[in-house]
């Protein structure tokens, strides 16, 4: 039987939106300060949407939450996690991310979360936040500055990890990355 995810019923949008607006004004220690990407997604909203997409709504577990009052109480507990995930001040709170990961795996089939794929990664907000939440994440799509003849696929960070910078070698010694 299909169990609804939290994102299909409700999430604390006002709180997420307020933190997303606040995040756009942060200019120190935020990935957006590295490069101005024209369609940047707020990391707070992305993080919350991924979490709410992985967590079951309490209404799908009548054996644990038999009445509306207990379902509302559980939903509010999940909303509290979402509110804390949205706050940029909690970005380095390992306890919070552990709590979110455990909550996501609680009802995952076999306790194993699915891998996250963003076929249009663009600025990479979805794979980045998926990894932050403990998911195996993959991003695909055109990256800023990518040449049309460059191969596609795989995580850009994983593909280039441990390799020299592209401009490091003279032109005749450059190699195509595969």
Protein backbone atom coordinates (compact mmCIF):
# COMPACT_ATOMS: atom_id res chain seq x y z
CA UNK A 1 0.00 0.00 0.00
CA UNK A 2 1.30 3.43 -0.96
CA UNK A 3 1.96 5.76 1.96
CA UNK A 4 1.72 9.49 1.36
CA UNK A 5 4.84 11.54 1.90
CA UNK A 6 4.78 14.58 4.13
CA UNK A 7 5.26 16.92 1.16
CA UNK A 8 1.98 15.63 -0.30
CA UNK A 9 -0.04 16.76 2.70
CA UNK A 10 1.56 19.86 4.20
CA UNK A 11 4.83 21.54 5.10
CA UNK A 12 5.53 24.78 7.03
CA UNK A 13 5.83 27.00 3.95
CA UNK A 14 5.88 30.34 5.78
CA UNK A 15 8.87 29.26 7.86
CA UNK A 16 10.74 27.83 4.88
CA UNK A 17 10.06 30.94 2.77
CA UNK A 18 11.25 33.26 5.53
CA UNK A 19 14.52 31.35 5.84
CA UNK A 20 14.96 31.21 2.04
CA UNK A 21 14.60 35.00 1.84
CA UNK A 22 17.08 35.39 4.70
CA UNK A 23 19.50 32.99 3.02
CA UNK A 24 19.61 35.12 -0.16
CA UNK A 25 21.12 37.98 1.86
CA UNK A 26 23.90 35.91 3.47
CA UNK A 27 27.22 36.89 1.94
CA UNK A 28 29.76 35.08 4.11
CA UNK A 29 30.34 31.33 4.03
CA UNK A 30 27.53 30.62 1.57
CA UNK A 31 28.18 28.71 -1.69
CA UNK A 32 26.35 31.42 -3.67
CA UNK A 33 29.26 33.80 -3.04
CA UNK A 34 31.50 31.69 -5.31
CA UNK A 35 29.55 32.26 -8.51
CA UNK A 36 26.37 34.13 -9.37
CA UNK A 37 24.15 31.48 -10.92
CA UNK A 38 21.16 32.94 -12.71
CA UNK A 39 18.59 30.44 -11.42
CA UNK A 40 19.97 29.61 -7.99
CA UNK A 41 17.67 27.62 -5.75
CA UNK A 42 17.66 28.53 -2.07
CA UNK A 43 19.47 25.75 -0.25
CA UNK A 44 17.10 25.97 2.73
CA UNK A 45 14.03 25.30 0.59
CA UNK A 46 15.82 22.53 -1.30
CA UNK A 47 16.92 20.82 1.92
CA UNK A 48 13.39 20.96 3.36
CA UNK A 49 11.71 19.70 0.20
CA UNK A 50 14.08 16.72 -0.02
CA UNK A 51 13.44 15.84 3.62
CA UNK A 52 9.64 16.19 3.25
CA UNK A 53 9.78 14.02 0.11
CA UNK A 54 11.50 11.19 1.99
CA UNK A 55 9.41 11.18 5.18
CA UNK A 56 6.01 9.49 5.41
CA UNK A 57 3.02 11.50 6.54
CA UNK A 58 1.68 10.18 9.87
CA UNK A 59 -1.73 9.46 8.31
CA UNK A 60 -0.08 6.55 6.46
CA UNK A 61 0.69 4.78 9.75
CA UNK A 62 -2.61 4.27 11.59
CA UNK A 63 -0.99 1.54 13.72
CA UNK A 64 1.36 4.18 15.21
CA UNK A 65 -0.92 7.22 15.01
CA UNK A 66 -4.52 5.97 15.34
CA UNK A 67 -6.34 9.29 15.71
CA UNK A 68 -6.16 12.80 14.27
CA UNK A 69 -4.66 14.25 17.45
CA UNK A 70 -1.67 11.88 17.46
CA UNK A 71 -1.18 12.41 13.72
CA UNK A 72 -1.16 16.19 14.21
CA UNK A 73 1.32 15.89 17.07
CA UNK A 74 3.67 13.74 14.95
CA UNK A 75 3.28 16.08 11.97
CA UNK A 76 4.21 19.03 14.18
CA UNK A 77 7.32 17.15 15.37
CA UNK A 78 8.33 16.65 11.74
CA UNK A 79 7.62 20.33 11.02
CA UNK A 80 10.00 21.23 13.84
CA UNK A 81 12.77 19.25 12.12
CA UNK A 82 11.97 21.04 8.85
CA UNK A 83 12.08 24.45 10.55
CA UNK A 84 15.49 23.65 12.03
CA UNK A 85 16.75 22.34 8.67
CA UNK A 86 15.67 25.58 7.00
CA UNK A 87 17.67 27.79 9.39
CA UNK A 88 21.12 28.64 7.97
CA UNK A 89 22.42 29.01 11.53
CA UNK A 90 22.05 25.22 11.88
CA UNK A 91 24.06 24.44 8.74
CA UNK A 92 26.88 22.80 10.73
CA UNK A 93 24.65 21.02 13.27
CA UNK A 94 25.68 17.38 12.78
CA UNK A 95 23.15 16.24 15.39
CA UNK A 96 20.32 17.77 13.34
CA UNK A 97 21.45 16.04 10.15
CA UNK A 98 21.78 12.73 11.99
CA UNK A 99 18.26 13.19 13.34
CA UNK A 100 16.92 14.00 9.85
CA UNK A 101 18.71 10.99 8.34
CA UNK A 102 17.33 8.64 10.99
CA UNK A 103 13.85 10.04 10.43
CA UNK A 104 14.12 9.51 6.66
CA UNK A 105 15.35 5.92 7.07
CA UNK A 106 12.70 5.06 9.67
CA UNK A 107 10.09 4.12 7.07
CA UNK A 108 12.34 3.53 4.05
CA UNK A 109 11.97 0.05 2.54
CA UNK A 110 14.53 -2.13 4.30
CA UNK A 111 15.89 0.97 6.02
CA UNK A 112 17.70 1.93 2.82
CA UNK A 113 17.05 5.33 1.26
CA UNK A 114 16.77 5.65 -2.51
CA UNK A 115 19.47 7.46 -4.44
CA UNK A 116 18.72 11.05 -5.43
CA UNK A 117 19.01 12.02 -9.09
CA UNK A 118 18.69 15.56 -10.40
CA UNK A 119 18.64 15.30 -14.21
CA UNK A 120 18.87 19.10 -14.58
CA UNK A 121 21.40 19.90 -11.85
CA UNK A 122 22.30 23.39 -13.04
CA UNK A 123 23.79 25.06 -9.98
CA UNK A 124 23.78 21.78 -8.04
CA UNK A 125 21.52 22.72 -5.10
CA UNK A 126 19.59 19.44 -5.09
CA UNK A 127 22.60 17.07 -5.19
CA UNK A 128 24.44 19.24 -2.64
CA UNK A 129 21.57 19.23 -0.16
CA UNK A 130 20.87 15.55 -0.79
CA UNK A 131 24.45 14.76 0.21
CA UNK A 132 24.15 17.03 3.22
CA UNK A 133 21.13 14.96 4.33
CA UNK A 134 23.08 11.72 3.85
CA UNK A 135 21.64 10.57 0.52
CA UNK A 136 23.68 9.22 -2.34
CA UNK A 137 23.14 12.05 -4.84
CA UNK A 138 23.75 12.38 -8.56
CA UNK A 139 23.49 15.53 -10.63
CA UNK A 140 23.35 15.70 -14.39
CA UNK A 141 23.10 18.72 -16.61
CA UNK A 142 25.07 21.54 -18.10
CA UNK A 143 27.42 23.18 -15.66
CA UNK A 144 28.52 26.81 -15.93
CA UNK A 145 31.45 27.11 -18.34
CA UNK A 146 31.09 23.58 -19.68
CA UNK A 147 32.15 23.08 -23.30
CA UNK A 148 29.77 21.20 -25.62
CA UNK A 149 32.45 18.58 -26.37
CA UNK A 150 32.92 17.64 -22.72
CA UNK A 151 31.43 14.29 -21.74
CA UNK A 152 28.27 14.22 -19.64
CA UNK A 153 27.33 12.18 -16.62
CA UNK A 154 28.34 11.49 -13.07
CA UNK A 155 28.81 13.84 -10.20
CA UNK A 156 31.00 16.74 -11.32
CA UNK A 157 32.81 16.79 -7.98
CA UNK A 158 33.52 13.06 -8.11
CA UNK A 159 34.67 13.21 -11.73
CA UNK A 160 37.24 15.93 -11.04
CA UNK A 161 38.35 14.91 -7.56
CA UNK A 162 42.13 14.36 -7.45
CA UNK A 163 42.72 15.60 -10.99
CA UNK A 164 44.79 18.65 -11.89
CA UNK A 165 43.04 21.90 -12.78
CA UNK A 166 42.15 22.16 -16.47
CA UNK A 167 44.29 25.25 -17.07
CA UNK A 168 47.27 23.78 -15.23
CA UNK A 169 48.88 22.03 -18.22
CA UNK A 170 49.97 23.54 -21.52
CA UNK A 171 47.34 23.19 -24.24
CA UNK A 172 49.05 20.27 -26.02
CA UNK A 173 49.19 18.22 -22.80
CA UNK A 174 45.53 18.60 -21.83
CA UNK A 175 43.54 15.43 -21.76
CA UNK A 176 39.85 14.80 -22.11
CA UNK A 177 38.19 13.81 -18.86
CA UNK A 178 36.12 10.69 -19.12
